Amino acid sequence: MLLLNDVWNKDAQKWMLLKPLLSTGASGSKTIVTTRSRRVAEIMGTVTADNPSLLGQEDCLSLFYQCV
C-alpha cells in the first residue's frame, strides 16, 4: 500500500504522468490519496471521492482500515 497524504498538486498533466507508475505495483496493492481539495480528488478520478470531513475520527479510521 502507498499512502499519499494531504496532496495539493492540482496539475492534471503531472498526475496523468504519475498514475501509470502507481498502477504497476504488486497484485492487490493499493494507493490511497488524501486531500482537502475537491479538484485534486476529481483529478484522481479512479473512485468516487469521499468527504471525511463529514465523518467522525473513528469513522475515518474505519474507512482507512477497510481500504488497507
N, C-alpha and C. Protein backbone atom coordinates (compact mmCIF):
# COMPACT_ATOMS: atom_id res chain seq x y z
N MET A 1 0.83 -1.17 0.00
CA MET A 1 0.00 0.00 0.00
C MET A 1 0.89 1.24 0.00
N LEU A 2 0.46 2.23 -0.75
CA LEU A 2 1.12 3.53 -0.78
C LEU A 2 0.09 4.56 -0.37
N LEU A 3 0.43 5.39 0.61
CA LEU A 3 -0.46 6.45 1.08
C LEU A 3 0.16 7.79 0.73
N LEU A 4 -0.54 8.56 -0.09
CA LEU A 4 -0.13 9.93 -0.40
C LEU A 4 -1.06 10.83 0.39
N ASN A 5 -0.56 11.42 1.44
CA ASN A 5 -1.39 12.15 2.39
C ASN A 5 -1.35 13.66 2.14
N ASP A 6 -2.51 14.28 2.19
CA ASP A 6 -2.66 15.73 2.11
C ASP A 6 -2.08 16.30 0.81
N VAL A 7 -2.48 15.72 -0.30
CA VAL A 7 -1.99 16.13 -1.62
C VAL A 7 -2.66 17.44 -2.04
N TRP A 8 -1.85 18.35 -2.58
CA TRP A 8 -2.38 19.64 -3.03
C TRP A 8 -2.07 19.96 -4.49
N ASN A 9 -1.27 19.17 -5.16
CA ASN A 9 -0.89 19.47 -6.54
C ASN A 9 -2.09 19.32 -7.46
N LYS A 10 -2.48 20.41 -8.11
CA LYS A 10 -3.66 20.41 -8.99
C LYS A 10 -3.29 20.37 -10.47
N ASP A 11 -2.05 20.03 -10.78
CA ASP A 11 -1.60 19.96 -12.16
C ASP A 11 -1.98 18.60 -12.74
N ALA A 12 -3.09 18.57 -13.49
CA ALA A 12 -3.62 17.32 -14.02
C ALA A 12 -2.62 16.59 -14.91
N GLN A 13 -1.82 17.33 -15.68
CA GLN A 13 -0.83 16.70 -16.56
C GLN A 13 0.19 15.91 -15.76
N LYS A 14 0.65 16.46 -14.66
CA LYS A 14 1.64 15.75 -13.83
C LYS A 14 1.03 14.48 -13.24
N TRP A 15 -0.23 14.56 -12.83
CA TRP A 15 -0.88 13.37 -12.28
C TRP A 15 -1.08 12.31 -13.35
N MET A 16 -1.40 12.72 -14.57
CA MET A 16 -1.58 11.75 -15.65
C MET A 16 -0.27 11.01 -15.96
N LEU A 17 0.85 11.68 -15.75
CA LEU A 17 2.15 11.02 -15.94
C LEU A 17 2.46 10.07 -14.79
N LEU A 18 2.01 10.42 -13.59
CA LEU A 18 2.32 9.61 -12.40
C LEU A 18 1.39 8.40 -12.25
N LYS A 19 0.13 8.54 -12.64
CA LYS A 19 -0.84 7.47 -12.42
C LYS A 19 -0.43 6.11 -12.98
N PRO A 20 0.10 6.02 -14.20
CA PRO A 20 0.50 4.69 -14.71
C PRO A 20 1.61 4.05 -13.85
N LEU A 21 2.47 4.87 -13.30
CA LEU A 21 3.53 4.33 -12.45
C LEU A 21 2.96 3.77 -11.14
N LEU A 22 1.92 4.40 -10.64
CA LEU A 22 1.30 3.94 -9.40
C LEU A 22 0.49 2.67 -9.59
N SER A 23 0.08 2.38 -10.81
CA SER A 23 -0.74 1.20 -11.06
C SER A 23 0.08 -0.04 -11.41
N THR A 24 1.39 0.03 -11.32
CA THR A 24 2.23 -1.11 -11.68
C THR A 24 2.74 -1.86 -10.46
N GLY A 25 2.09 -1.67 -9.31
CA GLY A 25 2.50 -2.36 -8.09
C GLY A 25 2.12 -3.83 -8.12
N ALA A 26 2.40 -4.50 -7.02
CA ALA A 26 2.08 -5.92 -6.90
C ALA A 26 0.57 -6.13 -6.98
N SER A 27 0.18 -7.32 -7.38
CA SER A 27 -1.24 -7.65 -7.45
C SER A 27 -1.91 -7.43 -6.10
N GLY A 28 -3.01 -6.70 -6.11
CA GLY A 28 -3.74 -6.43 -4.88
C GLY A 28 -3.26 -5.21 -4.12
N SER A 29 -2.18 -4.57 -4.59
CA SER A 29 -1.69 -3.39 -3.88
C SER A 29 -2.62 -2.21 -4.16
N LYS A 30 -2.58 -1.23 -3.26
CA LYS A 30 -3.47 -0.08 -3.39
C LYS A 30 -2.70 1.21 -3.15
N THR A 31 -3.21 2.27 -3.74
CA THR A 31 -2.71 3.61 -3.47
C THR A 31 -3.88 4.42 -2.94
N ILE A 32 -3.67 5.04 -1.79
CA ILE A 32 -4.70 5.89 -1.19
C ILE A 32 -4.19 7.32 -1.21
N VAL A 33 -5.00 8.22 -1.72
CA VAL A 33 -4.65 9.63 -1.78
C VAL A 33 -5.63 10.39 -0.89
N THR A 34 -5.10 11.17 0.03
CA THR A 34 -5.95 12.05 0.83
C THR A 34 -5.66 13.49 0.43
N THR A 35 -6.72 14.29 0.42
CA THR A 35 -6.59 15.69 0.05
C THR A 35 -7.74 16.47 0.66
N ARG A 36 -7.54 17.74 0.83
CA ARG A 36 -8.63 18.62 1.25
C ARG A 36 -9.18 19.39 0.06
N SER A 37 -8.64 19.08 -1.12
CA SER A 37 -9.03 19.79 -2.34
C SER A 37 -9.97 18.93 -3.18
N ARG A 38 -11.16 19.41 -3.44
CA ARG A 38 -12.11 18.70 -4.30
C ARG A 38 -11.51 18.53 -5.70
N ARG A 39 -10.78 19.53 -6.19
CA ARG A 39 -10.17 19.46 -7.53
C ARG A 39 -9.16 18.32 -7.62
N VAL A 40 -8.32 18.16 -6.60
CA VAL A 40 -7.35 17.05 -6.60
C VAL A 40 -8.10 15.72 -6.64
N ALA A 41 -9.16 15.58 -5.85
CA ALA A 41 -9.95 14.35 -5.86
C ALA A 41 -10.54 14.08 -7.24
N GLU A 42 -11.01 15.12 -7.91
CA GLU A 42 -11.56 14.96 -9.26
C GLU A 42 -10.48 14.52 -10.24
N ILE A 43 -9.28 15.06 -10.11
CA ILE A 43 -8.18 14.69 -11.00
C ILE A 43 -7.83 13.21 -10.83
N MET A 44 -7.83 12.72 -9.58
CA MET A 44 -7.54 11.31 -9.34
C MET A 44 -8.54 10.44 -10.08
N GLY A 45 -9.82 10.76 -9.95
CA GLY A 45 -10.89 10.18 -10.74
C GLY A 45 -11.01 8.67 -10.79
N THR A 46 -10.34 7.92 -9.94
CA THR A 46 -10.40 6.47 -10.04
C THR A 46 -11.58 5.88 -9.29
N VAL A 47 -11.99 6.52 -8.22
CA VAL A 47 -13.16 6.10 -7.45
C VAL A 47 -13.91 7.35 -7.01
N THR A 48 -15.12 7.15 -6.54
CA THR A 48 -15.89 8.28 -6.03
C THR A 48 -15.18 8.86 -4.81
N ALA A 49 -15.04 10.16 -4.78
CA ALA A 49 -14.36 10.81 -3.66
C ALA A 49 -15.27 10.81 -2.44
N ASP A 50 -14.68 10.47 -1.30
CA ASP A 50 -15.40 10.55 -0.03
C ASP A 50 -15.04 11.87 0.62
N ASN A 51 -15.94 12.40 1.41
CA ASN A 51 -15.67 13.64 2.12
C ASN A 51 -15.59 13.35 3.61
N PRO A 52 -14.40 12.96 4.10
CA PRO A 52 -14.29 12.55 5.50
C PRO A 52 -14.54 13.67 6.50
N SER A 53 -14.62 14.92 6.05
CA SER A 53 -14.92 15.98 6.99
C SER A 53 -16.32 15.79 7.58
N LEU A 54 -17.14 14.99 6.89
CA LEU A 54 -18.48 14.71 7.38
C LEU A 54 -18.48 13.53 8.34
N LEU A 55 -17.37 12.83 8.45
CA LEU A 55 -17.26 11.66 9.32
C LEU A 55 -16.50 12.01 10.59
N GLY A 56 -16.80 11.31 11.66
CA GLY A 56 -16.02 11.46 12.88
C GLY A 56 -14.68 10.76 12.74
N GLN A 57 -13.79 11.00 13.68
CA GLN A 57 -12.45 10.42 13.61
C GLN A 57 -12.50 8.89 13.58
N GLU A 58 -13.35 8.30 14.38
CA GLU A 58 -13.43 6.84 14.42
C GLU A 58 -13.92 6.28 13.08
N ASP A 59 -14.89 6.96 12.47
CA ASP A 59 -15.38 6.52 11.16
C ASP A 59 -14.31 6.69 10.08
N CYS A 60 -13.53 7.77 10.16
CA CYS A 60 -12.43 7.97 9.20
C CYS A 60 -11.41 6.83 9.31
N LEU A 61 -11.07 6.47 10.54
CA LEU A 61 -10.13 5.36 10.74
C LEU A 61 -10.70 4.05 10.22
N SER A 62 -11.97 3.83 10.46
CA SER A 62 -12.61 2.62 9.97
C SER A 62 -12.56 2.54 8.45
N LEU A 63 -12.85 3.67 7.78
CA LEU A 63 -12.77 3.73 6.32
C LEU A 63 -11.35 3.44 5.84
N PHE A 64 -10.37 4.02 6.51
CA PHE A 64 -8.97 3.79 6.16
C PHE A 64 -8.61 2.32 6.31
N TYR A 65 -9.01 1.69 7.42
CA TYR A 65 -8.69 0.28 7.65
C TYR A 65 -9.36 -0.62 6.62
N GLN A 66 -10.57 -0.28 6.18
CA GLN A 66 -11.25 -1.05 5.16
C GLN A 66 -10.49 -1.00 3.83
N CYS A 67 -9.92 0.16 3.53
CA CYS A 67 -9.15 0.31 2.29
C CYS A 67 -7.83 -0.43 2.35
N VAL A 68 -7.26 -0.51 3.52
CA VAL A 68 -5.98 -1.19 3.68
C VAL A 68 -6.23 -2.66 3.54
